[in-house]
C-alpha atoms as a PDB file:
ATOM      1  CA  MET A   1      -4.352 -18.751   0.343  1.00  0.00           C
ATOM      2  CA  GLY A   2      -6.297 -20.564  -2.354  1.00  0.00           C
ATOM      3  CA  ARG A   3      -9.667 -19.829  -0.959  1.00  0.00           C
ATOM      4  CA  THR A   4      -8.839 -16.156  -0.303  1.00  0.00           C
ATOM      5  CA  SER A   5      -7.264 -15.524  -3.711  1.00  0.00           C
ATOM      6  CA  ARG A   6      -9.842 -17.432  -5.576  1.00  0.00           C
ATOM      7  CA  GLY A   7      -7.195 -19.438  -7.283  1.00  0.00           C
ATOM      8  CA  THR A   8      -5.142 -16.566  -8.612  1.00  0.00           C
ATOM      9  CA  HIS A   9      -2.260 -17.559  -6.153  1.00  0.00           C
ATOM     10  CA  SER A  10      -1.436 -20.060  -8.869  1.00  0.00           C
ATOM     11  CA  SER A  11      -1.113 -17.514 -11.677  1.00  0.00           C
ATOM     12  CA  VAL A  12       0.200 -14.533  -9.805  1.00  0.00           C
ATOM     13  CA  PRO A  13       3.756 -14.342  -8.295  1.00  0.00           C
ATOM     14  CA  TRP A  14       3.638 -14.172  -4.363  1.00  0.00           C
ATOM     15  CA  ARG A  15       5.954 -14.864  -1.549  1.00  0.00           C
ATOM     16  CA  TRP A  16       5.499 -15.477   2.201  1.00  0.00           C
ATOM     17  CA  PHE A  17       7.866 -13.492   4.652  1.00  0.00           C
ATOM     18  CA  ARG A  18       8.372 -14.019   8.204  1.00  0.00           C
ATOM     19  CA  ASP A  19       7.929 -10.380   9.164  1.00  0.00           C
ATOM     20  CA  ALA A  20       7.066  -7.181   7.383  1.00  0.00           C
ATOM     21  CA  VAL A  21      10.496  -5.694   7.808  1.00  0.00           C
ATOM     22  CA  GLU A  22      12.054  -8.531   5.859  1.00  0.00           C
ATOM     23  CA  ALA A  23       9.558  -8.081   3.055  1.00  0.00           C
ATOM     24  CA  ALA A  24      10.024  -4.210   2.998  1.00  0.00           C
ATOM     25  CA  GLU A  25      13.820  -4.727   2.750  1.00  0.00           C
ATOM     26  CA  LEU A  26      13.361  -6.941  -0.309  1.00  0.00           C
ATOM     27  CA  LEU A  27      10.633  -4.818  -1.943  1.00  0.00           C
ATOM     28  CA  SER A  28      12.496  -1.636  -1.460  1.00  0.00           C
ATOM     29  CA  ARG A  29      15.528  -2.607  -3.467  1.00  0.00           C
ATOM     30  CA  GLY A  30      15.270  -0.746  -6.746  1.00  0.00           C
ATOM     31  CA  ARG A  31      11.628   0.371  -6.035  1.00  0.00           C
ATOM     32  CA  THR A  32       9.964   3.243  -4.239  1.00  0.00           C
ATOM     33  CA  LEU A  33       8.547   1.864  -1.043  1.00  0.00           C
ATOM     34  CA  VAL A  34       5.165   3.392  -0.537  1.00  0.00           C
ATOM     35  CA  CYS A  35       3.315   3.031   2.810  1.00  0.00           C
ATOM     36  CA  VAL A  36      -0.377   3.774   2.824  1.00  0.00           C
ATOM     37  CA  GLU A  37      -0.951   5.014   6.309  1.00  0.00           C
ATOM     38  CA  ASN A  38      -2.722   7.770   8.220  1.00  0.00           C
ATOM     39  CA  SER A  39       0.463   9.470   9.387  1.00  0.00           C
ATOM     40  CA  PRO A  40       0.846  13.289   9.653  1.00  0.00           C
ATOM     41  CA  ASP A  41       3.368  13.514   6.915  1.00  0.00           C
ATOM     42  CA  ALA A  42       1.495  11.348   4.376  1.00  0.00           C
ATOM     43  CA  VAL A  43       0.348  12.913   1.218  1.00  0.00           C
ATOM     44  CA  PRO A  44      -3.389  12.586   0.217  1.00  0.00           C
ATOM     45  CA  LEU A  45      -3.717   9.880  -2.487  1.00  0.00           C
ATOM     46  CA  HIS A  46      -5.171  12.235  -5.064  1.00  0.00           C
ATOM     47  CA  LEU A  47      -2.165  14.624  -4.670  1.00  0.00           C
ATOM     48  CA  ALA A  48       0.417  11.976  -4.468  1.00  0.00           C
ATOM     49  CA  GLU A  49       2.991  11.343  -7.308  1.00  0.00           C
ATOM     50  CA  LEU A  50       2.577   7.591  -7.390  1.00  0.00           C
ATOM     51  CA  PRO A  51       5.657   5.836  -8.662  1.00  0.00           C
ATOM     52  CA  ALA A  52       5.543   3.497 -11.555  1.00  0.00           C
ATOM     53  CA  GLY A  53       6.418   0.027 -10.321  1.00  0.00           C
ATOM     54  CA  GLY A  54       6.264   1.090  -6.599  1.00  0.00           C
ATOM     55  CA  ALA A  55       6.016  -1.275  -3.831  1.00  0.00           C
ATOM     56  CA  TYR A  56       2.891  -0.592  -1.692  1.00  0.00           C
ATOM     57  CA  VAL A  57       2.552  -1.531   1.940  1.00  0.00           C
ATOM     58  CA  PHE A  58      -0.690  -1.617   3.667  1.00  0.00           C
ATOM     59  CA  GLY A  59      -1.156  -2.170   7.422  1.00  0.00           C
ATOM     60  CA  ASN A  60      -3.980  -3.714   9.254  1.00  0.00           C
ATOM     61  CA  GLU A  61      -7.047  -1.701  10.604  1.00  0.00           C
ATOM     62  CA  ALA A  62      -5.992  -1.940  14.127  1.00  0.00           C
ATOM     63  CA  GLU A  63      -2.270  -1.279  14.193  1.00  0.00           C
ATOM     64  CA  GLY A  64      -1.493   0.079  10.703  1.00  0.00           C
ATOM     65  CA  VAL A  65       1.987  -0.134   9.208  1.00  0.00           C
ATOM     66  CA  SER A  66       4.693  -0.991  11.742  1.00  0.00           C
ATOM     67  CA  PRO A  67       7.000   1.881  12.795  1.00  0.00           C
ATOM     68  CA  GLU A  68       9.975  -0.034  11.508  1.00  0.00           C
ATOM     69  CA  VAL A  69       8.415  -0.291   7.980  1.00  0.00           C
ATOM     70  CA  LEU A  70       7.208   3.406   8.112  1.00  0.00           C
ATOM     71  CA  GLU A  71      10.856   4.431   8.770  1.00  0.00           C
ATOM     72  CA  MET A  72      11.952   2.492   5.698  1.00  0.00           C
ATOM     73  CA  SER A  73       9.354   4.019   3.388  1.00  0.00           C
ATOM     74  CA  HIS A  74      10.279   6.393   0.752  1.00  0.00           C
ATOM     75  CA  MET A  75       6.865   8.116   0.784  1.00  0.00           C
ATOM     76  CA  LYS A  76       3.588   7.876   2.762  1.00  0.00           C
ATOM     77  CA  VAL A  77       0.320   8.135   1.172  1.00  0.00           C
ATOM     78  CA  THR A  78      -3.143   8.544   2.890  1.00  0.00           C
ATOM     79  CA  ILE A  79      -6.803   8.539   1.765  1.00  0.00           C
ATOM     80  CA  PRO A  80      -8.557  11.752   3.069  1.00  0.00           C
ATOM     81  CA  GLN A  81     -11.590  10.999   5.164  1.00  0.00           C
ATOM     82  CA  SER A  82     -14.093  13.011   7.014  1.00  0.00           C
ATOM     83  CA  GLY A  83     -15.637  12.150  10.347  1.00  0.00           C
ATOM     84  CA  GLY A  84     -13.983  11.145  13.648  1.00  0.00           C
ATOM     85  CA  ARG A  85     -12.583   7.797  12.858  1.00  0.00           C
ATOM     86  CA  ARG A  86      -9.866   7.549  10.247  1.00  0.00           C
ATOM     87  CA  CYS A  87      -9.992   3.862   9.422  1.00  0.00           C
ATOM     88  CA  ILE A  88     -10.863   1.979   6.201  1.00  0.00           C
ATOM     89  CA  ASN A  89     -10.791  -1.695   5.779  1.00  0.00           C
ATOM     90  CA  VAL A  90      -7.434  -2.690   4.280  1.00  0.00           C
ATOM     91  CA  SER A  91      -9.008  -4.476   1.376  1.00  0.00           C
ATOM     92  CA  SER A  92     -11.021  -1.409   0.444  1.00  0.00           C
ATOM     93  CA  THR A  93      -7.903   0.788   0.877  1.00  0.00           C
ATOM     94  CA  ALA A  94      -5.856  -1.411  -1.501  1.00  0.00           C
ATOM     95  CA  ALA A  95      -8.660  -1.266  -3.938  1.00  0.00           C
ATOM     96  CA  MET A  96      -8.835   2.459  -3.876  1.00  0.00           C
ATOM     97  CA  VAL A  97      -5.043   2.801  -4.439  1.00  0.00           C
ATOM     98  CA  ALA A  98      -5.078   0.192  -7.261  1.00  0.00           C
ATOM     99  CA  TRP A  99      -7.916   2.096  -8.878  1.00  0.00           C
ATOM    100  CA  GLU A 100      -6.138   5.603  -8.620  1.00  0.00           C
ATOM    101  CA  ILE A 101      -3.098   3.947 -10.263  1.00  0.00           C
ATOM    102  CA  GLN A 102      -5.326   2.422 -13.074  1.00  0.00           C
ATOM    103  CA  ARG A 103      -7.215   5.676 -13.489  1.00  0.00           C
ATOM    104  CA  ARG A 104      -3.915   7.611 -14.010  1.00  0.00           C
ATOM    105  CA  ARG A 105      -2.749   5.013 -16.503  1.00  0.00           C
ATOM    106  CA  LEU A 106      -6.053   5.184 -18.489  1.00  0.00           C
ATOM    107  CA  LYS A 107      -5.757   8.984 -18.595  1.00  0.00           C
ATOM    108  CA  GLY A 108      -2.122   8.798 -19.628  1.00  0.00           C
ATOM    109  CA  GLU A 109      -0.927  10.655 -16.413  1.00  0.00           C
END
């Protein structure tokens, strides 16, 4: 954790969970659980009404967000892509979502 986070693990609150469902159950208490996933019912990121204080779930590139966690989500968001493969590295995806949230804050949206 220390190497990957470049030391921020000591200044940013974080917690380890045994599985994703356990984490989603805790995160969804009092928050909107947003899954970032290429599902047919997902709203494109640029059109989504992103909730303030939402809890965002990102899956891995191979399997995405688990069906159990997708079922628990309050909304699903996707990043529109062209081409045949609809896959973006999870860290790149998280950066794009974080930037969109920040962009809207900066514009007062």
